[in-house]
């Protein structure tokens, strides 16, 4: 048995496919990554520049975009390097990547719970909404999400890093995910799998329950609204957030809130690509395409830039 302190680096197996297909995927994933950064930076910039978007809902959305930028940047650059046959990652680098991956993911779920509560007060208690949800409360809630996630996940990553690992040190994934790392341990990891399951439940279930309860109350309030136009407007304000919630909770619950051996690693890789590459791009697109205020802000900024260019000429 080799002690884990002897581990210098791990090798990421990445995608065992033809070189030509790896190069093709490299350019596809690189393009999606660039568009993801542009889209989320655009959301942050719009919220900062447009006075009409200086509301709790959009302030929380801008924080969600910040998380998405760091989240995808934690995984995608190294994944791209594996497609170029640079598969090694240091022991410290592996667990640093894992720490930021699980911490940022947990922060995102906590923030989605806060956003659900925000929608609840906006629809179910509109007269007190501005008093309950203001910029100060949003900042405090966001800071609490970051702090709770990064402190709790630190202990999980430390526990996993203390496991004894046996060679060959090949992680059967395109990043240092928990399940393939546990399979490299020299000891029985049944207890550690239970710990990982507990932390997965801690990261997902509280915010999931808050979101479900909030939307049950929201839907019941909307259905009691006498005006059809009022019901339609209320549903439209929740549609974007609800869509994002379904996508994120669906993929992550499938990946982590279950036994680690329940599905083949190839399926985990596919879902992992969707979760780390596609979803961070979908979120800003969903909010832009389904939100009239965001679309109006985009048009306003384009018109303002066009006017400045004309004046400059």
Protein backbone atom coordinates (compact mmCIF):
# COMPACT_ATOMS: atom_id res chain seq x y z
CA UNK A 1 0.00 0.00 0.00
CA UNK A 2 1.36 3.40 -1.00
CA UNK A 3 0.76 6.30 1.33
CA UNK A 4 -1.03 9.31 -0.17
CA UNK A 5 1.89 11.58 0.76
CA UNK A 6 3.92 9.78 -1.94
CA UNK A 7 1.51 10.97 -4.64
CA UNK A 8 3.13 13.69 -6.74
CA UNK A 9 0.46 14.01 -9.40
CA UNK A 10 -2.57 12.37 -10.93
CA UNK A 11 -3.32 11.65 -14.57
CA UNK A 12 -6.74 12.61 -15.90
CA UNK A 13 -8.03 10.07 -18.40
CA UNK A 14 -10.15 12.73 -20.10
CA UNK A 15 -12.00 11.48 -23.15
CA UNK A 16 -10.61 8.20 -24.59
CA UNK A 17 -11.49 9.00 -28.21
CA UNK A 18 -9.67 9.56 -31.50
CA UNK A 19 -7.22 12.46 -31.69
CA UNK A 20 -9.20 14.11 -34.50
CA UNK A 21 -12.36 14.05 -32.40
CA UNK A 22 -10.45 15.39 -29.38
CA UNK A 23 -9.26 18.37 -31.44
CA UNK A 24 -12.82 18.94 -32.65
CA UNK A 25 -14.12 18.86 -29.05
CA UNK A 26 -11.31 21.21 -28.01
CA UNK A 27 -12.54 23.94 -30.34
CA UNK A 28 -16.19 23.29 -29.46
CA UNK A 29 -15.56 23.51 -25.71
CA UNK A 30 -13.25 26.49 -26.12
CA UNK A 31 -15.92 28.35 -28.09
CA UNK A 32 -18.59 27.55 -25.50
CA UNK A 33 -16.23 28.65 -22.70
CA UNK A 34 -15.53 32.00 -24.40
CA UNK A 35 -19.23 32.61 -25.03
CA UNK A 36 -19.96 31.68 -21.40
CA UNK A 37 -17.50 34.28 -20.12
CA UNK A 38 -18.86 36.93 -22.51
CA UNK A 39 -22.51 36.21 -21.64
CA UNK A 40 -22.00 36.26 -17.87
CA UNK A 41 -19.78 39.35 -17.98
CA UNK A 42 -22.49 41.02 -20.08
CA UNK A 43 -25.10 40.22 -17.41
CA UNK A 44 -22.89 41.68 -14.66
CA UNK A 45 -22.20 44.80 -16.75
CA UNK A 46 -25.88 45.33 -17.61
CA UNK A 47 -26.95 45.12 -13.97
CA UNK A 48 -24.24 47.60 -13.01
CA UNK A 49 -25.00 50.12 -15.79
CA UNK A 50 -28.80 50.03 -16.07
CA UNK A 51 -30.63 51.78 -13.25
CA UNK A 52 -33.81 49.77 -13.87
CA UNK A 53 -31.93 46.58 -13.09
CA UNK A 54 -30.75 47.83 -9.70
CA UNK A 55 -33.22 45.56 -7.90
CA UNK A 56 -32.65 42.56 -5.61
CA UNK A 57 -33.61 40.08 -8.34
CA UNK A 58 -30.99 41.34 -10.78
CA UNK A 59 -28.35 41.95 -8.12
CA UNK A 60 -28.69 38.28 -7.17
CA UNK A 61 -28.56 37.37 -10.85
CA UNK A 62 -25.29 39.26 -11.25
CA UNK A 63 -23.84 37.32 -8.31
CA UNK A 64 -25.01 34.10 -9.97
CA UNK A 65 -23.09 35.13 -13.10
CA UNK A 66 -19.96 35.76 -11.02
CA UNK A 67 -20.26 32.23 -9.64
CA UNK A 68 -20.73 30.81 -13.15
CA UNK A 69 -17.55 32.52 -14.38
CA UNK A 70 -15.42 31.06 -11.58
CA UNK A 71 -17.23 27.71 -11.70
CA UNK A 72 -16.62 27.02 -15.37
CA UNK A 73 -13.09 28.47 -15.17
CA UNK A 74 -12.28 25.94 -12.45
CA UNK A 75 -12.94 23.00 -14.80
CA UNK A 76 -12.82 23.97 -18.48
CA UNK A 77 -9.18 25.16 -18.88
CA UNK A 78 -7.81 21.89 -17.49
CA UNK A 79 -10.34 19.90 -19.50
CA UNK A 80 -9.10 21.65 -22.65
CA UNK A 81 -5.52 20.73 -21.78
CA UNK A 82 -6.50 17.05 -21.48
CA UNK A 83 -7.84 17.25 -25.02
CA UNK A 84 -4.34 18.38 -26.04
CA UNK A 85 -2.83 15.34 -24.31
CA UNK A 86 -1.65 17.26 -21.24
CA UNK A 87 -3.27 14.96 -18.71
CA UNK A 88 -1.18 15.43 -15.58
CA UNK A 89 -2.34 17.47 -12.60
CA UNK A 90 -0.46 17.86 -9.33
CA UNK A 91 -1.78 16.46 -6.06
CA UNK A 92 -2.30 19.99 -4.68
CA UNK A 93 -3.76 21.19 -7.98
CA UNK A 94 -6.21 18.29 -8.06
CA UNK A 95 -7.65 18.97 -4.63
CA UNK A 96 -7.59 22.73 -5.15
CA UNK A 97 -9.69 22.22 -8.27
CA UNK A 98 -11.99 19.89 -6.37
CA UNK A 99 -12.36 22.39 -3.52
CA UNK A 100 -13.37 25.28 -5.76
CA UNK A 101 -15.63 23.03 -7.82
CA UNK A 102 -17.69 21.78 -4.87
CA UNK A 103 -17.60 25.13 -3.02
CA UNK A 104 -18.74 27.19 -6.00
CA UNK A 105 -21.42 24.62 -6.83
CA UNK A 106 -22.71 24.73 -3.26
CA UNK A 107 -22.68 28.54 -3.29
CA UNK A 108 -24.75 28.48 -6.46
CA UNK A 109 -27.41 26.27 -4.90
CA UNK A 110 -27.58 28.40 -1.76
CA UNK A 111 -27.96 31.49 -3.96
CA UNK A 112 -30.76 29.86 -5.95
CA UNK A 113 -32.57 29.33 -2.66
CA UNK A 114 -32.19 33.02 -1.83
CA UNK A 115 -33.48 33.92 -5.30
CA UNK A 116 -36.53 31.71 -4.71
CA UNK A 117 -37.23 33.52 -1.43
CA UNK A 118 -36.84 36.84 -3.26
CA UNK A 119 -39.49 35.76 -5.82
CA UNK A 120 -41.75 34.64 -2.96
CA UNK A 121 -41.70 38.06 -1.27
CA UNK A 122 -42.06 39.87 -4.62
CA UNK A 123 -45.23 37.95 -5.54
CA UNK A 124 -46.75 36.90 -2.21
CA UNK A 125 -45.93 40.01 -0.17
CA UNK A 126 -45.38 42.84 -2.67
CA UNK A 127 -46.29 45.68 -0.28
CA UNK A 128 -43.41 44.81 2.06
CA UNK A 129 -41.03 43.59 -0.64
CA UNK A 130 -38.83 46.68 -0.80
CA UNK A 131 -38.54 46.75 3.00
CA UNK A 132 -37.67 43.06 3.29
CA UNK A 133 -35.47 42.65 0.21
CA UNK A 134 -33.07 45.53 -0.33
CA UNK A 135 -29.46 45.85 -1.48
CA UNK A 136 -28.07 45.44 2.04
CA UNK A 137 -30.06 42.25 2.67
CA UNK A 138 -29.01 40.88 -0.73
CA UNK A 139 -25.34 41.48 0.02
CA UNK A 140 -25.63 39.88 3.45
CA UNK A 141 -27.46 36.84 2.07
CA UNK A 142 -24.94 36.46 -0.75
CA UNK A 143 -22.00 36.72 1.64
CA UNK A 144 -23.61 34.08 3.87
CA UNK A 145 -23.97 31.75 0.85
CA UNK A 146 -20.28 32.10 -0.05
CA UNK A 147 -19.09 31.71 3.54
CA UNK A 148 -21.26 28.69 4.40
CA UNK A 149 -20.29 26.88 1.18
CA UNK A 150 -16.54 27.50 1.27
CA UNK A 151 -16.16 26.70 4.98
CA UNK A 152 -18.19 23.48 4.89
CA UNK A 153 -16.65 22.09 1.68
CA UNK A 154 -13.16 22.72 3.03
CA UNK A 155 -13.64 19.91 5.54
CA UNK A 156 -14.94 17.52 2.86
CA UNK A 157 -11.96 18.08 0.57
CA UNK A 158 -9.51 17.73 3.47
CA UNK A 159 -11.08 14.38 4.43
CA UNK A 160 -10.81 13.06 0.86
CA UNK A 161 -7.23 14.32 0.45
CA UNK A 162 -6.19 12.42 3.59
CA UNK A 163 -7.13 9.06 2.05
CA UNK A 164 -4.26 6.75 1.10
CA UNK A 165 -4.08 6.45 -2.70
CA UNK A 166 -2.60 3.53 -4.63
CA UNK A 167 -1.09 3.64 -8.10
CA UNK A 168 -1.63 3.86 -10.96
CA UNK A 169 -2.87 7.37 -10.17
CA UNK A 170 -5.22 7.67 -13.14
CA UNK A 171 -8.41 9.62 -12.45
CA UNK A 172 -11.08 8.29 -14.79
CA UNK A 173 -12.56 11.71 -15.53
CA UNK A 174 -11.70 15.03 -17.17
CA UNK A 175 -11.36 16.74 -13.77
CA UNK A 176 -10.74 15.76 -10.15
CA UNK A 177 -14.24 14.68 -9.27
CA UNK A 178 -14.98 12.90 -6.00
CA UNK A 179 -16.21 9.52 -7.26
CA UNK A 180 -13.19 8.59 -9.45
CA UNK A 181 -10.79 9.78 -6.73
CA UNK A 182 -12.44 7.54 -4.16
CA UNK A 183 -11.87 4.57 -6.47
CA UNK A 184 -8.10 5.19 -6.28
CA UNK A 185 -8.02 4.79 -2.52
CA UNK A 186 -6.22 1.78 -1.01
CA UNK A 187 -8.85 1.33 1.67
CA UNK A 188 -12.56 0.60 1.78
CA UNK A 189 -14.29 3.92 1.06
CA UNK A 190 -17.81 2.95 2.11
CA UNK A 191 -17.68 5.34 5.07
CA UNK A 192 -16.24 8.14 2.95
CA UNK A 193 -18.95 7.61 0.33
CA UNK A 194 -21.49 8.13 3.11
CA UNK A 195 -19.70 11.34 4.10
CA UNK A 196 -19.75 12.56 0.48
CA UNK A 197 -23.47 11.71 0.29
CA UNK A 198 -24.08 13.69 3.50
CA UNK A 199 -22.26 16.75 2.16
CA UNK A 200 -24.15 16.41 -1.12
CA UNK A 201 -27.43 16.45 0.76
CA UNK A 202 -26.22 19.43 2.81
CA UNK A 203 -25.32 21.35 -0.37
CA UNK A 204 -28.48 20.58 -2.32
CA UNK A 205 -31.45 19.59 -0.17
CA UNK A 206 -31.88 22.69 2.09
CA UNK A 207 -31.95 25.10 -0.86
CA UNK A 208 -34.06 22.61 -2.82
CA UNK A 209 -36.66 22.48 -0.03
CA UNK A 210 -36.65 26.26 0.32
CA UNK A 211 -37.14 26.57 -3.44
CA UNK A 212 -39.97 24.01 -3.53
CA UNK A 213 -41.82 25.59 -0.60
CA UNK A 214 -41.37 29.07 -2.10
CA UNK A 215 -42.76 27.99 -5.45
CA UNK A 216 -45.70 26.13 -3.90
CA UNK A 217 -46.66 29.36 -2.10
CA UNK A 218 -46.00 31.41 -5.25
CA UNK A 219 -48.17 29.19 -7.45
CA UNK A 220 -51.00 29.15 -4.90
CA UNK A 221 -50.87 32.97 -4.72
CA UNK A 222 -50.81 33.33 -8.51
CA UNK A 223 -53.78 31.00 -8.96
CA UNK A 224 -55.80 33.18 -6.59
CA UNK A 225 -55.05 36.27 -8.68
CA UNK A 226 -58.33 37.30 -10.39
CA UNK A 227 -56.70 38.99 -13.38
CA UNK A 228 -55.44 36.74 -16.18
CA UNK A 229 -52.91 39.41 -17.14
CA UNK A 230 -51.69 39.52 -13.54
CA UNK A 231 -51.27 35.76 -13.45
CA UNK A 232 -49.35 35.80 -16.73
CA UNK A 233 -47.04 38.57 -15.50
CA UNK A 234 -46.39 36.80 -12.20
CA UNK A 235 -45.56 33.52 -13.93
CA UNK A 236 -43.22 35.28 -16.35
CA UNK A 237 -41.17 36.78 -13.50
CA UNK A 238 -40.52 33.27 -12.14
CA UNK A 239 -40.10 31.36 -15.39
CA UNK A 240 -36.38 32.06 -15.88
CA UNK A 241 -35.40 31.21 -12.32
CA UNK A 242 -37.55 28.09 -12.30
CA UNK A 243 -36.00 26.86 -15.56
CA UNK A 244 -32.47 27.32 -14.17
CA UNK A 245 -33.46 25.55 -10.94
CA UNK A 246 -34.80 22.50 -12.80
CA UNK A 247 -31.65 22.18 -14.94
CA UNK A 248 -29.16 22.59 -12.08
CA UNK A 249 -30.92 20.46 -9.48
CA UNK A 250 -31.67 17.74 -12.02
CA UNK A 251 -28.06 17.30 -13.14
CA UNK A 252 -26.38 17.62 -9.73
CA UNK A 253 -28.84 15.39 -7.87
CA UNK A 254 -28.23 12.78 -10.57
CA UNK A 255 -24.47 13.10 -10.11
CA UNK A 256 -24.05 13.29 -6.34
CA UNK A 257 -27.15 12.49 -4.30
CA UNK A 258 -26.89 8.76 -5.01
CA UNK A 259 -24.34 5.96 -4.49
CA UNK A 260 -21.11 6.69 -6.37
CA UNK A 261 -21.23 3.33 -8.20
CA UNK A 262 -24.84 3.62 -9.39
CA UNK A 263 -24.02 4.56 -12.98
CA UNK A 264 -21.05 4.00 -15.31
CA UNK A 265 -18.37 6.71 -15.28
CA UNK A 266 -19.05 7.44 -18.97
CA UNK A 267 -22.55 8.64 -18.09
CA UNK A 268 -21.08 10.75 -15.28
CA UNK A 269 -18.66 12.32 -17.76
CA UNK A 270 -21.48 13.22 -20.13
CA UNK A 271 -23.58 14.77 -17.35
CA UNK A 272 -20.40 16.43 -16.02
CA UNK A 273 -19.80 18.12 -19.38
CA UNK A 274 -23.37 19.39 -19.40
CA UNK A 275 -23.06 20.63 -15.80
CA UNK A 276 -19.66 22.35 -16.12
CA UNK A 277 -19.63 23.49 -19.76
CA UNK A 278 -23.19 23.90 -21.02
CA UNK A 279 -25.15 25.03 -17.95
CA UNK A 280 -22.99 28.11 -17.17
CA UNK A 281 -23.80 29.33 -20.70
CA UNK A 282 -27.49 28.40 -20.53
CA UNK A 283 -28.16 30.43 -17.37
CA UNK A 284 -27.49 33.92 -18.80
CA UNK A 285 -29.16 32.94 -22.09
CA UNK A 286 -32.31 31.79 -20.27
CA UNK A 287 -32.51 35.02 -18.28
CA UNK A 288 -31.90 37.15 -21.39
CA UNK A 289 -34.28 35.34 -23.73
CA UNK A 290 -37.15 35.06 -21.25
CA UNK A 291 -36.83 38.43 -19.54
CA UNK A 292 -38.19 41.59 -21.14
CA UNK A 293 -36.33 43.92 -18.76
CA UNK A 294 -32.95 42.34 -19.58
CA UNK A 295 -33.69 42.47 -23.32
CA UNK A 296 -34.72 46.12 -22.97
CA UNK A 297 -31.48 46.87 -21.12
CA UNK A 298 -29.46 45.19 -23.89
CA UNK A 299 -31.22 47.24 -26.58
CA UNK A 300 -30.72 50.39 -24.52
CA UNK A 301 -26.98 49.79 -24.23
CA UNK A 302 -26.67 49.04 -27.95
CA UNK A 303 -28.52 52.26 -28.79
CA UNK A 304 -26.37 54.23 -26.35
CA UNK A 305 -23.17 52.82 -27.86
CA UNK A 306 -24.41 53.57 -31.39
CA UNK A 307 -25.23 57.14 -30.38
CA UNK A 308 -21.77 57.65 -28.84
CA UNK A 309 -20.14 56.28 -32.00
CA UNK A 310 -22.16 58.65 -34.18
CA UNK A 311 -21.26 61.62 -32.01
CA UNK A 312 -17.60 60.61 -32.07
CA UNK A 313 -17.65 60.58 -35.88
